[in-house]
Protein backbone atom coordinates (compact mmCIF):
# COMPACT_ATOMS: atom_id res chain seq x y z
CA MET A 1 20.84 -36.28 -19.83
CA GLN A 2 20.92 -34.22 -16.73
CA LYS A 3 17.09 -34.35 -14.89
CA ALA A 4 15.39 -31.39 -15.07
CA LYS A 5 15.17 -29.64 -11.78
CA SER A 6 11.47 -29.92 -10.29
CA ILE A 7 9.75 -27.10 -8.78
CA LEU A 8 6.07 -27.17 -6.78
CA ILE A 9 3.71 -24.21 -6.98
CA THR A 10 1.01 -24.17 -4.73
CA GLY A 11 -2.26 -22.05 -5.57
CA ALA A 12 -1.43 -23.17 -8.86
CA SER A 13 -5.12 -22.70 -10.60
CA GLY A 14 -5.30 -18.98 -9.90
CA PHE A 15 -4.18 -15.96 -11.47
CA ILE A 16 -0.59 -15.42 -10.19
CA GLY A 17 -0.23 -19.50 -10.05
CA SER A 18 -1.00 -20.30 -13.18
CA HIS A 19 1.50 -18.16 -14.36
CA LEU A 20 3.92 -19.12 -12.42
CA VAL A 21 3.53 -22.52 -13.86
CA GLU A 22 3.69 -21.16 -17.15
CA GLU A 23 7.01 -19.62 -16.46
CA GLY A 24 8.33 -22.88 -15.07
CA LEU A 25 7.79 -24.69 -18.31
CA LYS A 26 9.29 -22.22 -20.17
CA ARG A 27 12.37 -22.53 -18.10
CA GLY A 28 12.50 -26.15 -18.50
CA TYR A 29 11.50 -27.13 -15.22
CA GLU A 30 9.39 -30.22 -13.82
CA VAL A 31 6.49 -28.73 -12.52
CA PHE A 32 4.01 -29.74 -9.80
CA ALA A 33 1.12 -27.82 -9.75
CA ALA A 34 -0.57 -28.16 -6.19
CA ILE A 35 -4.25 -27.41 -6.19
CA ARG A 36 -7.38 -28.44 -4.44
CA LYS A 37 -10.03 -31.12 -5.80
CA THR A 38 -12.44 -28.09 -6.17
CA SER A 39 -9.90 -25.86 -8.15
CA SER A 40 -10.32 -24.87 -11.75
CA ARG A 41 -7.91 -26.66 -14.01
CA ARG A 42 -8.65 -24.31 -16.79
CA TYR A 43 -5.12 -22.74 -17.23
CA LEU A 44 -3.40 -25.98 -16.43
CA THR A 45 -3.98 -28.00 -19.41
CA ASP A 46 -0.44 -28.41 -20.56
CA SER A 47 0.64 -32.15 -20.50
CA ARG A 48 3.96 -31.63 -18.85
CA ILE A 49 2.21 -30.30 -15.70
CA ARG A 50 2.19 -32.70 -12.96
CA ILE A 51 -1.00 -32.00 -10.54
CA LEU A 52 -0.78 -32.64 -7.04
CA GLU A 53 -3.93 -32.57 -4.84
CA LEU A 54 -2.82 -31.52 -1.47
CA ASP A 55 -4.88 -30.47 1.84
CA LEU A 56 -3.01 -27.60 3.11
CA PHE A 57 -5.74 -27.34 6.05
CA SER A 58 -5.29 -30.79 7.66
CA PRO A 59 -1.40 -31.45 8.70
CA GLU A 60 -1.79 -35.14 9.22
CA LEU A 61 -3.50 -35.58 5.82
CA LEU A 62 -0.87 -33.29 4.28
CA ALA A 63 2.05 -35.04 5.59
CA ASN A 64 0.51 -38.44 4.31
CA GLN A 65 0.30 -36.82 0.76
CA LEU A 66 3.88 -35.47 0.79
CA SER A 67 4.97 -38.90 2.24
CA SER A 68 3.31 -40.72 -0.62
CA VAL A 69 5.37 -37.83 -2.83
CA HIS A 70 8.63 -38.65 -1.21
CA SER A 71 8.08 -42.63 -1.66
CA GLN A 72 7.89 -41.78 -5.19
CA GLY A 73 11.45 -40.48 -5.32
CA ILE A 74 10.29 -36.78 -5.96
CA HIS A 75 12.09 -34.00 -4.21
CA PHE A 76 11.71 -30.41 -5.24
CA ASN A 77 14.39 -28.38 -5.87
CA PHE A 78 12.14 -25.12 -5.44
CA ILE A 79 8.92 -24.59 -3.91
CA ILE A 80 6.78 -21.45 -4.58
CA HIS A 81 3.96 -21.20 -1.89
CA ASN A 82 1.51 -18.98 -3.42
CA ALA A 83 -1.53 -20.46 -1.70
CA GLY A 84 -3.86 -18.07 -0.12
CA ILE A 85 -6.91 -15.99 -0.53
CA THR A 86 -7.20 -12.19 -0.76
CA ARG A 87 -11.27 -12.11 0.04
CA ALA A 88 -12.45 -13.65 3.58
CA ASN A 89 -15.54 -13.42 5.71
CA THR A 90 -13.52 -12.96 8.69
CA GLY A 91 -9.92 -12.20 10.06
CA GLU A 92 -9.96 -15.92 11.38
CA GLU A 93 -10.48 -16.80 7.79
CA PHE A 94 -7.59 -14.94 6.51
CA ASN A 95 -5.20 -16.20 8.88
CA ARG A 96 -6.38 -20.02 8.75
CA VAL A 97 -5.60 -20.13 5.14
CA ASN A 98 -2.58 -17.23 4.85
CA ASN A 99 -0.75 -18.18 7.87
CA ILE A 100 -1.96 -21.42 9.37
CA CYS A 101 -1.72 -23.16 5.91
CA THR A 102 1.70 -21.95 5.55
CA GLN A 103 2.57 -23.26 8.69
CA ASN A 104 1.21 -26.74 7.95
CA LEU A 105 3.21 -27.01 4.89
CA VAL A 106 6.55 -26.14 6.17
CA GLU A 107 6.15 -28.45 9.14
CA ALA A 108 4.88 -31.27 6.85
CA LEU A 109 7.86 -30.64 4.46
CA VAL A 110 10.13 -30.87 7.48
CA LYS A 111 8.22 -34.15 8.63
CA THR A 112 8.38 -35.82 5.28
CA SER A 113 12.14 -34.82 4.54
CA LEU A 114 11.14 -32.68 1.51
CA ILE A 115 12.58 -29.21 2.42
CA PRO A 116 13.45 -27.72 -0.90
CA GLY A 117 16.48 -26.00 -1.97
CA LYS A 118 14.44 -22.59 -1.75
CA PHE A 119 10.93 -22.19 -0.24
CA VAL A 120 9.56 -18.92 -1.63
CA PHE A 121 6.98 -17.41 -0.06
CA LEU A 122 4.61 -14.95 -2.08
CA SER A 123 3.57 -12.19 0.63
CA SER A 124 2.32 -8.79 0.01
CA LEU A 125 3.08 -5.30 0.49
CA ALA A 126 0.11 -5.24 2.78
CA ALA A 127 2.38 -7.32 5.19
CA ILE A 128 4.30 -3.97 5.68
CA GLY A 129 1.13 -1.71 5.71
CA PRO A 130 1.30 1.83 4.15
CA GLY A 131 4.09 4.04 4.00
CA ASP A 132 4.38 7.13 6.06
CA ARG A 133 1.50 9.77 4.64
CA ASP A 134 3.32 12.99 5.67
CA SER A 135 6.91 12.46 4.19
CA MET A 136 5.34 10.25 1.55
CA GLN A 137 8.76 8.16 1.74
CA PRO A 138 7.80 5.01 -0.52
CA ILE A 139 7.86 1.51 1.31
CA SER A 140 10.83 -0.82 0.86
CA ASP A 141 12.66 -3.26 2.48
CA SER A 142 13.87 -1.37 5.70
CA SER A 143 9.97 -0.64 6.42
CA VAL A 144 9.02 -1.60 9.81
CA PRO A 145 6.15 -4.02 9.48
CA SER A 146 2.47 -2.37 10.44
CA PRO A 147 -0.08 -3.88 8.62
CA ILE A 148 -3.53 -2.44 8.93
CA ASP A 149 -5.81 -4.94 7.36
CA ALA A 150 -6.74 -8.61 8.32
CA TYR A 151 -5.31 -9.52 5.10
CA GLY A 152 -2.20 -7.79 5.81
CA LYS A 153 -1.50 -9.26 9.14
CA SER A 154 -2.07 -12.78 8.35
CA LYS A 155 0.63 -12.37 5.64
CA ARG A 156 2.79 -10.82 8.16
CA ALA A 157 2.12 -13.71 10.56
CA ALA A 158 3.39 -16.16 8.16
CA GLU A 159 6.34 -14.22 7.66
CA VAL A 160 7.10 -13.94 11.44
CA TYR A 161 6.55 -18.04 11.29
CA LEU A 162 9.19 -18.36 8.37
CA GLN A 163 12.19 -15.74 9.93
CA SER A 164 11.39 -17.40 13.23
CA SER A 165 12.58 -21.01 12.04
CA ALA A 166 16.34 -21.86 12.87
CA SER A 167 17.55 -22.75 9.35
CA PHE A 168 14.61 -22.98 7.00
CA PRO A 169 15.72 -21.82 3.24
CA TYR A 170 13.25 -19.18 3.00
CA LEU A 171 12.49 -16.33 0.70
CA VAL A 172 9.79 -13.83 1.24
CA ILE A 173 8.84 -11.71 -1.87
CA ARG A 174 6.13 -8.96 -0.68
CA PRO A 175 4.80 -7.83 -4.35
CA THR A 176 2.75 -4.48 -4.48
CA GLY A 177 -0.70 -4.58 -6.71
CA VAL A 178 -0.40 -7.41 -9.23
CA TYR A 179 -2.16 -7.02 -12.30
CA GLY A 180 -2.37 -8.70 -15.76
CA PRO A 181 -4.28 -11.41 -17.79
CA ARG A 182 -6.58 -13.37 -15.63
CA GLU A 183 -6.96 -10.97 -12.79
CA MET A 184 -10.37 -9.90 -11.59
CA ASP A 185 -9.89 -7.13 -9.34
CA TYR A 186 -8.56 -4.51 -11.53
CA LEU A 187 -11.15 -5.58 -14.37
CA THR A 188 -13.77 -3.96 -12.10
CA VAL A 189 -11.93 -0.50 -12.46
CA PHE A 190 -11.65 -1.11 -16.22
CA ARG A 191 -15.25 -2.04 -16.66
CA ASN A 192 -16.16 1.15 -14.82
CA LEU A 193 -13.90 3.44 -16.69
CA ASP A 194 -15.22 1.74 -19.94
CA LYS A 195 -18.74 2.62 -18.86
CA GLY A 196 -17.87 6.18 -18.10
CA ILE A 197 -17.38 6.27 -14.54
CA GLU A 198 -14.30 7.40 -12.82
CA LEU A 199 -14.88 6.84 -9.38
CA TYR A 200 -12.76 7.84 -6.12
CA ALA A 201 -12.94 7.00 -2.35
CA GLY A 202 -11.54 10.38 -0.75
CA SER A 203 -9.04 11.73 -2.93
CA THR A 204 -7.62 11.72 -6.40
CA SER A 205 -3.85 12.10 -5.39
CA HIS A 206 -3.42 8.84 -3.29
CA ARG A 207 -0.07 7.45 -4.55
CA ILE A 208 -0.02 3.76 -5.72
CA SER A 209 2.51 1.14 -7.25
CA PHE A 210 2.15 -2.07 -9.67
CA ILE A 211 4.08 -5.07 -11.32
CA TYR A 212 2.97 -6.59 -14.36
CA ILE A 213 2.31 -10.23 -13.72
CA THR A 214 5.05 -11.40 -16.25
CA ASP A 215 7.62 -9.15 -14.42
CA LEU A 216 6.82 -10.69 -11.17
CA THR A 217 6.63 -14.55 -12.29
CA LYS A 218 10.27 -13.61 -13.68
CA VAL A 219 11.68 -12.18 -10.51
CA VAL A 220 10.13 -14.96 -8.29
CA TYR A 221 12.11 -17.46 -10.52
CA ASN A 222 15.31 -15.33 -10.66
CA ALA A 223 15.09 -14.99 -6.76
CA ALA A 224 14.66 -18.81 -6.33
CA GLU A 225 17.71 -19.57 -8.63
CA SER A 226 20.03 -17.06 -7.08
CA GLY A 227 22.21 -17.48 -4.01
CA TRP A 228 20.09 -15.66 -1.51
CA THR A 229 18.31 -17.44 1.15
CA ARG A 230 16.46 -16.08 4.41
CA LYS A 231 15.59 -12.56 2.72
CA THR A 232 12.79 -10.59 2.56
CA TRP A 233 12.18 -8.06 -0.82
CA VAL A 234 9.56 -5.94 -1.84
CA ILE A 235 8.78 -5.60 -5.40
CA SER A 236 7.13 -3.31 -7.79
CA ASP A 237 7.71 -2.08 -11.54
CA GLY A 238 9.83 0.88 -9.78
CA GLY A 239 6.91 3.38 -10.79
CA ASN A 240 4.53 5.41 -8.43
CA TYR A 241 1.52 6.60 -9.62
CA SER A 242 -1.39 8.89 -8.34
CA VAL A 243 -5.02 6.79 -8.69
CA ARG A 244 -5.79 9.65 -11.20
CA GLU A 245 -2.63 8.99 -13.44
CA PHE A 246 -3.52 5.35 -13.50
CA SER A 247 -7.36 5.94 -14.52
CA ALA A 248 -5.89 8.28 -17.11
CA LEU A 249 -3.78 5.61 -18.61
CA VAL A 250 -6.74 2.96 -18.59
CA LYS A 251 -9.26 5.60 -20.22
CA THR A 252 -6.36 6.39 -23.01
CA ILE A 253 -6.00 2.87 -23.69
CA LEU A 254 -10.00 2.31 -23.64
CA GLY A 255 -10.35 5.56 -25.59
CA LYS A 256 -13.22 6.48 -23.38
CA LYS A 257 -14.11 9.86 -21.44
CA THR A 258 -15.67 9.57 -18.12
CA VAL A 259 -17.63 11.56 -15.47
CA ARG A 260 -15.26 11.80 -12.11
CA VAL A 261 -17.02 11.14 -8.75
CA VAL A 262 -15.30 11.49 -5.83
CA VAL A 263 -16.85 10.36 -2.53
CA PRO A 264 -15.84 11.69 0.75
CA LEU A 265 -14.12 8.79 2.96
CA PRO A 266 -16.57 9.15 5.86
CA ILE A 267 -19.53 8.42 3.61
CA VAL A 268 -17.71 5.69 2.18
CA ARG A 269 -16.61 4.49 5.56
CA SER A 270 -20.33 4.52 6.93
CA LEU A 271 -21.68 2.54 3.62
CA ALA A 272 -18.95 0.08 4.57
CA SER A 273 -20.05 -0.23 8.25
CA PHE A 274 -23.54 -0.58 7.02
CA LEU A 275 -23.00 -3.30 4.45
CA GLU A 276 -21.13 -5.28 7.17
CA LEU A 277 -24.20 -5.20 9.57
CA ALA A 278 -26.35 -5.99 6.37
CA TYR A 279 -24.32 -9.08 5.45
CA ARG A 280 -23.63 -10.37 8.80
CA PRO A 281 -26.53 -12.50 9.36
CA PHE A 282 -25.61 -14.29 6.50
CA GLY A 283 -21.89 -15.00 7.65
CA LYS A 284 -20.89 -13.09 4.66
CA MET A 285 -18.32 -10.15 4.11
CA PRO A 286 -19.16 -7.47 1.61
CA LEU A 287 -16.58 -6.58 -1.14
CA LEU A 288 -16.71 -2.74 0.49
CA ASN A 289 -16.11 -3.24 4.31
CA ARG A 290 -14.23 -1.17 6.60
CA ASP A 291 -10.64 -3.03 5.87
CA LYS A 292 -11.13 -1.88 2.37
CA VAL A 293 -12.02 1.56 3.36
CA ALA A 294 -8.62 1.63 5.59
CA ILE A 295 -6.65 0.49 2.47
CA MET A 296 -8.38 3.31 0.15
CA GLY A 297 -8.07 5.85 2.48
CA SER A 298 -4.22 5.12 3.01
CA LYS A 299 -2.63 7.93 1.02
CA ASN A 300 0.89 6.35 0.39
CA TRP A 301 1.16 2.81 -1.21
CA GLN A 302 4.42 3.73 -3.22
CA CYS A 303 7.17 1.24 -3.17
CA ASP A 304 11.13 1.02 -3.68
CA PRO A 305 12.27 -2.20 -5.05
CA SER A 306 15.64 -0.89 -5.37
CA GLY A 307 16.77 -3.77 -3.04
CA ILE A 308 15.78 -6.54 -5.19
CA PHE A 309 16.47 -4.94 -8.44
CA ALA A 310 20.10 -4.50 -7.06
CA ASP A 311 20.34 -8.16 -5.49
CA LEU A 312 19.13 -10.18 -8.52
CA ASN A 313 20.73 -7.42 -11.10
CA TYR A 314 16.99 -7.54 -12.47
CA SER A 315 15.01 -4.49 -13.94
CA PRO A 316 10.95 -5.09 -15.12
CA ALA A 317 10.38 -5.48 -18.71
CA TYR A 318 7.21 -3.44 -18.60
CA ASN A 319 6.11 0.04 -17.04
CA LEU A 320 2.34 0.60 -16.13
CA GLU A 321 1.39 1.66 -19.78
CA GLN A 322 2.95 -1.49 -21.60
CA GLY A 323 1.15 -3.99 -18.98
CA LEU A 324 -2.07 -2.29 -19.08
CA LEU A 325 -2.16 -2.41 -23.18
CA GLU A 326 -1.45 -6.26 -22.84
CA THR A 327 -3.94 -6.53 -19.87
CA ILE A 328 -6.73 -4.71 -21.45
CA ALA A 329 -6.10 -6.32 -24.99
CA TRP A 330 -6.89 -9.89 -23.12
CA ASN A 331 -9.81 -8.79 -21.49
CA ARG A 332 -11.09 -7.60 -24.69
CA GLN A 333 -10.35 -10.51 -26.55
CA GLU A 334 -12.06 -12.71 -23.63
CA GLY A 335 -15.01 -10.39 -23.95
CA ARG A 336 -14.61 -9.26 -20.46
CA ILE A 337 -14.52 -5.64 -21.50
């Protein structure tokens, strides 16, 4: 019997990572889930999952850990590097986790002769930055990166590192806003709308894009299994929406009426600055901060994923309404709404 292909997924305990693990099991892979010692294993209970505790912060320890893996005769056909953070107290922390840890992993793989057949890096549309606000041209594979926040800059730095390698078999996938069961950021919006509060910063006409978690996991695997290498794509469900259209869909599914509140952007920016000052003595960064305001104030987060659709002969199974129906149903079942 032919041995199953193996895949290593970093950041396996989180929202996207746990779904990537499940997709790997569905496809018959031998799945190695890389997590930290302190990571929750709530969504990693399947007995087929092989847990690896890897320290991406320490190059020496990581190399030793991977050497141990190699000595057991394990080799990864594919690696999906999903580990990272979307919230941090400083730009340095974003860079250390999203960029330096990526470099540590790649260098340890090279050092231990564990270079996979394909290394898929989960980046972000934020690594490019928003599209032009005048032409409203969607962000595409050919857009020139110009990230505007610390998170996007850290993801872009990791991309540049991979792209500068001589022959490393990378793929970079830049998802737009990812939503679905287990995700927490959009849950805050759902809860506000469920309470009758429809809150906007600056405008109700800003354009945004999404991809449902099931579609993202499938396209990541399709990319890994494809003949492509050293390639970078953006990905969304192919639709673009105003923030007001998004809220209208959620309200319809929730069956709620709301009071619409539009807070002028200068007020939001001033509040963010005040909160940052207030949190500074504690070494913390508030959820509402100047980087977040820069993202919220950007008019154009539309996405053109036609490149990856054509290259992988792929089209998403979910539009926004279908994905929201499943997401909200799951959150209700879990008692989160």
